[in-house]
Each structure stands twice: as structure tokens, then as C-alpha cells.
Amino acid sequence: ALGAQILGKLGDGVVVLGAAFGTDKVSVVALCSPAAVKAGGKAGDIVRDLCTKLGGKGGGKPDFAMGGGKDVAGLDAALASLR
């Protein structure tokens, strides 16, 4: 819900959020606006790439995807790699 709220405020773009739960679980979510999808953005590919770096798996559709992993310590670096 938070990702959708942020994307709603942005209008067009891509939102990627990550959260660590304890010391052994990471969750990520990505949302792409219709304009971002049209420009080639794919939330499923973004999440799949992040989750691979975090020792997990995930995926979804071009406009919304989610997944997780186990490398809590790697979350900041994985998110920074998107820039």
C-alpha cells in the first residue's frame, strides 16, 4: 500500500521499497507507472534482480512485483545498485 501511495504522489515513475525483518528476512516491492512500463520499466525484472542479490527470489508483472531474500546485510547495497 505504501508503494502505491508513493507512486500516486509521483504520478509517473518507478518506486522500489525494501525492508528487513529481523536478521534473516528481507522483502522488496517494485511498482512502475503505465508511462514507466511503456518506457521499458519492468517491476518483475527489478525485483528478480534484487532478490538474486539478496539470496532469494521474486517476480511479478511489469507494473507490480514483490519478493524476498535472506541477506539482510546486503539490502542497502542491492537498493543502491538500482541508481
PDB file of N, CA and C in Angstrom:
ATOM      1  N   ALA A   1       0.830  -1.186   0.000  1.00  0.00           N
ATOM      2  CA  ALA A   1       0.000   0.000   0.000  1.00  0.00           C
ATOM      3  C   ALA A   1       0.883   1.263   0.000  1.00  0.00           C
ATOM      4  N   LEU A   2       1.988   1.228   0.745  1.00  0.00           N
ATOM      5  CA  LEU A   2       2.871   2.391   0.793  1.00  0.00           C
ATOM      6  C   LEU A   2       3.453   2.694  -0.579  1.00  0.00           C
ATOM      7  N   GLY A   3       3.868   1.659  -1.287  1.00  0.00           N
ATOM      8  CA  GLY A   3       4.419   1.859  -2.620  1.00  0.00           C
ATOM      9  C   GLY A   3       3.418   2.488  -3.564  1.00  0.00           C
ATOM     10  N   ALA A   4       2.167   2.059  -3.500  1.00  0.00           N
ATOM     11  CA  ALA A   4       1.117   2.623  -4.345  1.00  0.00           C
ATOM     12  C   ALA A   4       0.861   4.086  -3.986  1.00  0.00           C
ATOM     13  N   GLN A   5       0.913   4.411  -2.706  1.00  0.00           N
ATOM     14  CA  GLN A   5       0.729   5.800  -2.284  1.00  0.00           C
ATOM     15  C   GLN A   5       1.847   6.685  -2.819  1.00  0.00           C
ATOM     16  N   ILE A   6       3.070   6.207  -2.733  1.00  0.00           N
ATOM     17  CA  ILE A   6       4.212   6.977  -3.217  1.00  0.00           C
ATOM     18  C   ILE A   6       4.115   7.160  -4.729  1.00  0.00           C
ATOM     19  N   LEU A   7       3.794   6.081  -5.442  1.00  0.00           N
ATOM     20  CA  LEU A   7       3.673   6.181  -6.889  1.00  0.00           C
ATOM     21  C   LEU A   7       2.547   7.141  -7.273  1.00  0.00           C
ATOM     22  N   GLY A   8       1.471   7.129  -6.508  1.00  0.00           N
ATOM     23  CA  GLY A   8       0.376   8.052  -6.756  1.00  0.00           C
ATOM     24  C   GLY A   8       0.804   9.502  -6.619  1.00  0.00           C
ATOM     25  N   LYS A   9       1.681   9.775  -5.656  1.00  0.00           N
ATOM     26  CA  LYS A   9       2.177  11.146  -5.471  1.00  0.00           C
ATOM     27  C   LYS A   9       3.176  11.534  -6.563  1.00  0.00           C
ATOM     28  N   LEU A  10       3.949  10.552  -7.030  1.00  0.00           N
ATOM     29  CA  LEU A  10       4.912  10.828  -8.103  1.00  0.00           C
ATOM     30  C   LEU A  10       4.222  11.059  -9.436  1.00  0.00           C
ATOM     31  N   GLY A  11       3.158  10.332  -9.656  1.00  0.00           N
ATOM     32  CA  GLY A  11       2.480  10.384 -10.953  1.00  0.00           C
ATOM     33  C   GLY A  11       3.057   9.351 -11.884  1.00  0.00           C
ATOM     34  N   ASP A  12       4.189   9.627 -12.465  1.00  0.00           N
ATOM     35  CA  ASP A  12       4.872   8.685 -13.353  1.00  0.00           C
ATOM     36  C   ASP A  12       6.237   8.362 -12.773  1.00  0.00           C
ATOM     37  N   GLY A  13       6.612   7.097 -12.871  1.00  0.00           N
ATOM     38  CA  GLY A  13       7.928   6.702 -12.402  1.00  0.00           C
ATOM     39  C   GLY A  13       7.948   5.284 -11.884  1.00  0.00           C
ATOM     40  N   VAL A  14       9.001   5.002 -11.145  1.00  0.00           N
ATOM     41  CA  VAL A  14       9.231   3.684 -10.571  1.00  0.00           C
ATOM     42  C   VAL A  14       9.479   3.850  -9.081  1.00  0.00           C
ATOM     43  N   VAL A  15       8.844   3.001  -8.276  1.00  0.00           N
ATOM     44  CA  VAL A  15       9.046   3.004  -6.830  1.00  0.00           C
ATOM     45  C   VAL A  15       9.558   1.630  -6.432  1.00  0.00           C
ATOM     46  N   VAL A  16      10.647   1.601  -5.674  1.00  0.00           N
ATOM     47  CA  VAL A  16      11.196   0.351  -5.154  1.00  0.00           C
ATOM     48  C   VAL A  16      11.395   0.527  -3.661  1.00  0.00           C
ATOM     49  N   LEU A  17      10.834  -0.391  -2.888  1.00  0.00           N
ATOM     50  CA  LEU A  17      10.963  -0.352  -1.430  1.00  0.00           C
ATOM     51  C   LEU A  17      11.544  -1.670  -0.941  1.00  0.00           C
ATOM     52  N   GLY A  18      12.345  -1.585   0.097  1.00  0.00           N
ATOM     53  CA  GLY A  18      12.905  -2.773   0.718  1.00  0.00           C
ATOM     54  C   GLY A  18      12.831  -2.650   2.218  1.00  0.00           C
ATOM     55  N   ALA A  19      12.654  -3.784   2.890  1.00  0.00           N
ATOM     56  CA  ALA A  19      12.579  -3.786   4.349  1.00  0.00           C
ATOM     57  C   ALA A  19      13.218  -5.056   4.895  1.00  0.00           C
ATOM     58  N   ALA A  20      13.905  -4.906   6.010  1.00  0.00           N
ATOM     59  CA  ALA A  20      14.492  -6.043   6.707  1.00  0.00           C
ATOM     60  C   ALA A  20      13.613  -6.394   7.895  1.00  0.00           C
ATOM     61  N   PHE A  21      13.408  -7.685   8.085  1.00  0.00           N
ATOM     62  CA  PHE A  21      12.622  -8.194   9.198  1.00  0.00           C
ATOM     63  C   PHE A  21      13.512  -9.118  10.014  1.00  0.00           C
ATOM     64  N   GLY A  22      13.943  -8.619  11.152  1.00  0.00           N
ATOM     65  CA  GLY A  22      14.866  -9.393  11.968  1.00  0.00           C
ATOM     66  C   GLY A  22      16.230  -9.451  11.314  1.00  0.00           C
ATOM     67  N   THR A  23      16.900 -10.557  11.514  1.00  0.00           N
ATOM     68  CA  THR A  23      18.257 -10.713  10.988  1.00  0.00           C
ATOM     69  C   THR A  23      18.334 -11.658   9.808  1.00  0.00           C
ATOM     70  N   ASP A  24      17.189 -12.189   9.359  1.00  0.00           N
ATOM     71  CA  ASP A  24      17.258 -13.203   8.314  1.00  0.00           C
ATOM     72  C   ASP A  24      16.174 -13.116   7.237  1.00  0.00           C
ATOM     73  N   LYS A  25      15.473 -11.997   7.155  1.00  0.00           N
ATOM     74  CA  LYS A  25      14.432 -11.890   6.130  1.00  0.00           C
ATOM     75  C   LYS A  25      14.373 -10.475   5.560  1.00  0.00           C
ATOM     76  N   VAL A  26      14.370 -10.413   4.234  1.00  0.00           N
ATOM     77  CA  VAL A  26      14.277  -9.150   3.513  1.00  0.00           C
ATOM     78  C   VAL A  26      13.112  -9.253   2.536  1.00  0.00           C
ATOM     79  N   SER A  27      12.322  -8.200   2.442  1.00  0.00           N
ATOM     80  CA  SER A  27      11.240  -8.131   1.460  1.00  0.00           C
ATOM     81  C   SER A  27      11.448  -6.911   0.581  1.00  0.00           C
ATOM     82  N   VAL A  28      11.131  -7.068  -0.702  1.00  0.00           N
ATOM     83  CA  VAL A  28      11.225  -5.954  -1.634  1.00  0.00           C
ATOM     84  C   VAL A  28       9.956  -5.899  -2.477  1.00  0.00           C
ATOM     85  N   VAL A  29       9.617  -4.706  -2.904  1.00  0.00           N
ATOM     86  CA  VAL A  29       8.467  -4.494  -3.771  1.00  0.00           C
ATOM     87  C   VAL A  29       8.827  -3.408  -4.776  1.00  0.00           C
ATOM     88  N   ALA A  30       8.320  -3.548  -5.996  1.00  0.00           N
ATOM     89  CA  ALA A  30       8.541  -2.538  -7.035  1.00  0.00           C
ATOM     90  C   ALA A  30       7.228  -2.272  -7.750  1.00  0.00           C
ATOM     91  N   LEU A  31       7.003  -1.011  -8.056  1.00  0.00           N
ATOM     92  CA  LEU A  31       5.829  -0.587  -8.809  1.00  0.00           C
ATOM     93  C   LEU A  31       6.284   0.336  -9.926  1.00  0.00           C
ATOM     94  N   CYS A  32       5.704   0.157 -11.107  1.00  0.00           N
ATOM     95  CA  CYS A  32       6.005   1.011 -12.255  1.00  0.00           C
ATOM     96  C   CYS A  32       4.705   1.601 -12.771  1.00  0.00           C
ATOM     97  N   SER A  33       4.707   2.900 -13.013  1.00  0.00           N
ATOM     98  CA  SER A  33       3.533   3.559 -13.586  1.00  0.00           C
ATOM     99  C   SER A  33       3.362   3.088 -15.032  1.00  0.00           C
ATOM    100  N   PRO A  34       2.176   3.286 -15.607  1.00  0.00           N
ATOM    101  CA  PRO A  34       1.990   2.919 -17.012  1.00  0.00           C
ATOM    102  C   PRO A  34       3.018   3.577 -17.947  1.00  0.00           C
ATOM    103  N   ALA A  35       3.353   4.837 -17.695  1.00  0.00           N
ATOM    104  CA  ALA A  35       4.355   5.517 -18.521  1.00  0.00           C
ATOM    105  C   ALA A  35       5.724   4.863 -18.375  1.00  0.00           C
ATOM    106  N   ALA A  36       6.068   4.439 -17.161  1.00  0.00           N
ATOM    107  CA  ALA A  36       7.360   3.781 -16.942  1.00  0.00           C
ATOM    108  C   ALA A  36       7.401   2.429 -17.644  1.00  0.00           C
ATOM    109  N   VAL A  37       6.287   1.693 -17.606  1.00  0.00           N
ATOM    110  CA  VAL A  37       6.213   0.403 -18.306  1.00  0.00           C
ATOM    111  C   VAL A  37       6.364   0.637 -19.808  1.00  0.00           C
ATOM    112  N   LYS A  38       5.694   1.645 -20.328  1.00  0.00           N
ATOM    113  CA  LYS A  38       5.780   1.960 -21.754  1.00  0.00           C
ATOM    114  C   LYS A  38       7.213   2.329 -22.152  1.00  0.00           C
ATOM    115  N   ALA A  39       7.943   2.948 -21.224  1.00  0.00           N
ATOM    116  CA  ALA A  39       9.332   3.332 -21.482  1.00  0.00           C
ATOM    117  C   ALA A  39      10.311   2.174 -21.279  1.00  0.00           C
ATOM    118  N   GLY A  40       9.791   1.013 -20.887  1.00  0.00           N
ATOM    119  CA  GLY A  40      10.654  -0.160 -20.736  1.00  0.00           C
ATOM    120  C   GLY A  40      10.863  -0.626 -19.313  1.00  0.00           C
ATOM    121  N   GLY A  41      10.303   0.054 -18.327  1.00  0.00           N
ATOM    122  CA  GLY A  41      10.437  -0.368 -16.938  1.00  0.00           C
ATOM    123  C   GLY A  41       9.635  -1.631 -16.672  1.00  0.00           C
ATOM    124  N   LYS A  42      10.223  -2.566 -15.949  1.00  0.00           N
ATOM    125  CA  LYS A  42       9.543  -3.817 -15.635  1.00  0.00           C
ATOM    126  C   LYS A  42       9.781  -4.149 -14.167  1.00  0.00           C
ATOM    127  N   ALA A  43       8.743  -3.982 -13.367  1.00  0.00           N
ATOM    128  CA  ALA A  43       8.857  -4.244 -11.932  1.00  0.00           C
ATOM    129  C   ALA A  43       9.321  -5.672 -11.666  1.00  0.00           C
ATOM    130  N   GLY A  44       8.822  -6.624 -12.421  1.00  0.00           N
ATOM    131  CA  GLY A  44       9.213  -8.022 -12.230  1.00  0.00           C
ATOM    132  C   GLY A  44      10.702  -8.234 -12.400  1.00  0.00           C
ATOM    133  N   ASP A  45      11.289  -7.600 -13.418  1.00  0.00           N
ATOM    134  CA  ASP A  45      12.732  -7.729 -13.641  1.00  0.00           C
ATOM    135  C   ASP A  45      13.525  -7.054 -12.520  1.00  0.00           C
ATOM    136  N   ILE A  46      13.040  -5.907 -12.057  1.00  0.00           N
ATOM    137  CA  ILE A  46      13.715  -5.193 -10.969  1.00  0.00           C
ATOM    138  C   ILE A  46      13.752  -6.053  -9.716  1.00  0.00           C
ATOM    139  N   VAL A  47      12.610  -6.614  -9.350  1.00  0.00           N
ATOM    140  CA  VAL A  47      12.529  -7.436  -8.133  1.00  0.00           C
ATOM    141  C   VAL A  47      13.343  -8.711  -8.284  1.00  0.00           C
ATOM    142  N   ARG A  48      13.270  -9.338  -9.433  1.00  0.00           N
ATOM    143  CA  ARG A  48      14.035 -10.569  -9.653  1.00  0.00           C
ATOM    144  C   ARG A  48      15.532 -10.307  -9.487  1.00  0.00           C
ATOM    145  N   ASP A  49      16.020  -9.191 -10.030  1.00  0.00           N
ATOM    146  CA  ASP A  49      17.430  -8.833  -9.910  1.00  0.00           C
ATOM    147  C   ASP A  49      17.807  -8.569  -8.451  1.00  0.00           C
ATOM    148  N   LEU A  50      16.984  -7.794  -7.755  1.00  0.00           N
ATOM    149  CA  LEU A  50      17.260  -7.508  -6.339  1.00  0.00           C
ATOM    150  C   LEU A  50      17.288  -8.784  -5.510  1.00  0.00           C
ATOM    151  N   CYS A  51      16.295  -9.631  -5.707  1.00  0.00           N
ATOM    152  CA  CYS A  51      16.197 -10.846  -4.896  1.00  0.00           C
ATOM    153  C   CYS A  51      17.356 -11.805  -5.155  1.00  0.00           C
ATOM    154  N   THR A  52      17.848 -11.827  -6.384  1.00  0.00           N
ATOM    155  CA  THR A  52      19.030 -12.637  -6.681  1.00  0.00           C
ATOM    156  C   THR A  52      20.214 -12.163  -5.849  1.00  0.00           C
ATOM    157  N   LYS A  53      20.376 -10.852  -5.738  1.00  0.00           N
ATOM    158  CA  LYS A  53      21.462 -10.286  -4.937  1.00  0.00           C
ATOM    159  C   LYS A  53      21.264 -10.530  -3.446  1.00  0.00           C
ATOM    160  N   LEU A  54      20.021 -10.764  -3.035  1.00  0.00           N
ATOM    161  CA  LEU A  54      19.692 -10.939  -1.614  1.00  0.00           C
ATOM    162  C   LEU A  54      19.511 -12.404  -1.218  1.00  0.00           C
ATOM    163  N   GLY A  55      19.865 -13.306  -2.110  1.00  0.00           N
ATOM    164  CA  GLY A  55      19.775 -14.729  -1.794  1.00  0.00           C
ATOM    165  C   GLY A  55      18.351 -15.248  -1.741  1.00  0.00           C
ATOM    166  N   GLY A  56      17.492 -14.715  -2.580  1.00  0.00           N
ATOM    167  CA  GLY A  56      16.101 -15.154  -2.567  1.00  0.00           C
ATOM    168  C   GLY A  56      15.525 -15.169  -3.965  1.00  0.00           C
ATOM    169  N   LYS A  57      14.214 -15.005  -4.040  1.00  0.00           N
ATOM    170  CA  LYS A  57      13.561 -14.989  -5.340  1.00  0.00           C
ATOM    171  C   LYS A  57      12.332 -14.103  -5.290  1.00  0.00           C
ATOM    172  N   GLY A  58      11.890 -13.726  -6.463  1.00  0.00           N
ATOM    173  CA  GLY A  58      10.708 -12.887  -6.570  1.00  0.00           C
ATOM    174  C   GLY A  58      10.437 -12.565  -8.014  1.00  0.00           C
ATOM    175  N   GLY A  59       9.359 -11.889  -8.243  1.00  0.00           N
ATOM    176  CA  GLY A  59       8.985 -11.509  -9.588  1.00  0.00           C
ATOM    177  C   GLY A  59       7.562 -11.007  -9.598  1.00  0.00           C
ATOM    178  N   GLY A  60       7.058 -10.806 -10.777  1.00  0.00           N
ATOM    179  CA  GLY A  60       5.699 -10.322 -10.913  1.00  0.00           C
ATOM    180  C   GLY A  60       5.464  -9.757 -12.291  1.00  0.00           C
ATOM    181  N   LYS A  61       4.542  -8.850 -12.363  1.00  0.00           N
ATOM    182  CA  LYS A  61       4.142  -8.244 -13.621  1.00  0.00           C
ATOM    183  C   LYS A  61       4.968  -6.985 -13.890  1.00  0.00           C
ATOM    184  N   PRO A  62       4.850  -6.427 -15.082  1.00  0.00           N
ATOM    185  CA  PRO A  62       5.602  -5.202 -15.369  1.00  0.00           C
ATOM    186  C   PRO A  62       5.252  -4.031 -14.459  1.00  0.00           C
ATOM    187  N   ASP A  63       4.013  -3.986 -13.959  1.00  0.00           N
ATOM    188  CA  ASP A  63       3.618  -2.844 -13.128  1.00  0.00           C
ATOM    189  C   ASP A  63       3.739  -3.085 -11.626  1.00  0.00           C
ATOM    190  N   PHE A  64       3.817  -4.340 -11.191  1.00  0.00           N
ATOM    191  CA  PHE A  64       3.910  -4.638  -9.756  1.00  0.00           C
ATOM    192  C   PHE A  64       4.602  -5.976  -9.550  1.00  0.00           C
ATOM    193  N   ALA A  65       5.533  -6.000  -8.599  1.00  0.00           N
ATOM    194  CA  ALA A  65       6.227  -7.246  -8.283  1.00  0.00           C
ATOM    195  C   ALA A  65       6.715  -7.207  -6.843  1.00  0.00           C
ATOM    196  N   MET A  66       6.894  -8.393  -6.262  1.00  0.00           N
ATOM    197  CA  MET A  66       7.439  -8.473  -4.912  1.00  0.00           C
ATOM    198  C   MET A  66       8.210  -9.770  -4.740  1.00  0.00           C
ATOM    199  N   GLY A  67       9.073  -9.774  -3.723  1.00  0.00           N
ATOM    200  CA  GLY A  67       9.875 -10.941  -3.451  1.00  0.00           C
ATOM    201  C   GLY A  67      10.638 -10.752  -2.158  1.00  0.00           C
ATOM    202  N   GLY A  68      11.560 -11.676  -1.917  1.00  0.00           N
ATOM    203  CA  GLY A  68      12.319 -11.601  -0.681  1.00  0.00           C
ATOM    204  C   GLY A  68      13.606 -12.379  -0.762  1.00  0.00           C
ATOM    205  N   GLY A  69      14.366 -12.273   0.307  1.00  0.00           N
ATOM    206  CA  GLY A  69      15.645 -12.953   0.392  1.00  0.00           C
ATOM    207  C   GLY A  69      16.081 -13.066   1.841  1.00  0.00           C
ATOM    208  N   LYS A  70      17.314 -13.517   2.021  1.00  0.00           N
ATOM    209  CA  LYS A  70      17.839 -13.769   3.365  1.00  0.00           C
ATOM    210  C   LYS A  70      19.035 -12.906   3.734  1.00  0.00           C
ATOM    211  N   ASP A  71      19.563 -12.136   2.779  1.00  0.00           N
ATOM    212  CA  ASP A  71      20.767 -11.346   3.033  1.00  0.00           C
ATOM    213  C   ASP A  71      20.399  -9.944   3.511  1.00  0.00           C
ATOM    214  N   VAL A  72      20.064  -9.833   4.780  1.00  0.00           N
ATOM    215  CA  VAL A  72      19.675  -8.544   5.357  1.00  0.00           C
ATOM    216  C   VAL A  72      20.798  -7.529   5.215  1.00  0.00           C
ATOM    217  N   ALA A  73      22.022  -7.947   5.432  1.00  0.00           N
ATOM    218  CA  ALA A  73      23.166  -7.037   5.361  1.00  0.00           C
ATOM    219  C   ALA A  73      23.376  -6.483   3.961  1.00  0.00           C
ATOM    220  N   GLY A  74      22.901  -7.165   2.945  1.00  0.00           N
ATOM    221  CA  GLY A  74      23.110  -6.729   1.577  1.00  0.00           C
ATOM    222  C   GLY A  74      21.998  -5.825   1.031  1.00  0.00           C
ATOM    223  N   LEU A  75      20.974  -5.556   1.823  1.00  0.00           N
ATOM    224  CA  LEU A  75      19.830  -4.789   1.325  1.00  0.00           C
ATOM    225  C   LEU A  75      20.227  -3.399   0.840  1.00  0.00           C
ATOM    226  N   ASP A  76      20.976  -2.650   1.635  1.00  0.00           N
ATOM    227  CA  ASP A  76      21.358  -1.292   1.249  1.00  0.00           C
ATOM    228  C   ASP A  76      22.140  -1.287  -0.065  1.00  0.00           C
ATOM    229  N   ALA A  77      23.081  -2.192  -0.207  1.00  0.00           N
ATOM    230  CA  ALA A  77      23.892  -2.243  -1.434  1.00  0.00           C
ATOM    231  C   ALA A  77      23.037  -2.648  -2.629  1.00  0.00           C
ATOM    232  N   ALA A  78      22.117  -3.574  -2.433  1.00  0.00           N
ATOM    233  CA  ALA A  78      21.259  -4.012  -3.535  1.00  0.00           C
ATOM    234  C   ALA A  78      20.379  -2.863  -4.012  1.00  0.00           C
ATOM    235  N   LEU A  79      19.805  -2.111  -3.079  1.00  0.00           N
ATOM    236  CA  LEU A  79      18.978  -0.964  -3.460  1.00  0.00           C
ATOM    237  C   LEU A  79      19.816   0.123  -4.117  1.00  0.00           C
ATOM    238  N   ALA A  80      21.009   0.356  -3.613  1.00  0.00           N
ATOM    239  CA  ALA A  80      21.899   1.370  -4.186  1.00  0.00           C
ATOM    240  C   ALA A  80      22.305   1.004  -5.605  1.00  0.00           C
ATOM    241  N   SER A  81      22.336  -0.279  -5.932  1.00  0.00           N
ATOM    242  CA  SER A  81      22.733  -0.706  -7.270  1.00  0.00           C
ATOM    243  C   SER A  81      21.707  -0.312  -8.326  1.00  0.00           C
ATOM    244  N   LEU A  82      20.528   0.078  -7.908  1.00  0.00           N
ATOM    245  CA  LEU A  82      19.488   0.495  -8.848  1.00  0.00           C
ATOM    246  C   LEU A  82      19.708   1.893  -9.389  1.00  0.00           C
ATOM    247  N   ARG A  83      20.482   2.690  -8.718  1.00  0.00           N
ATOM    248  CA  ARG A  83      20.692   4.088  -9.134  1.00  0.00           C
ATOM    249  C   ARG A  83      21.471   4.207 -10.399  1.00  0.00           C
TER     250      ARG A  83
END
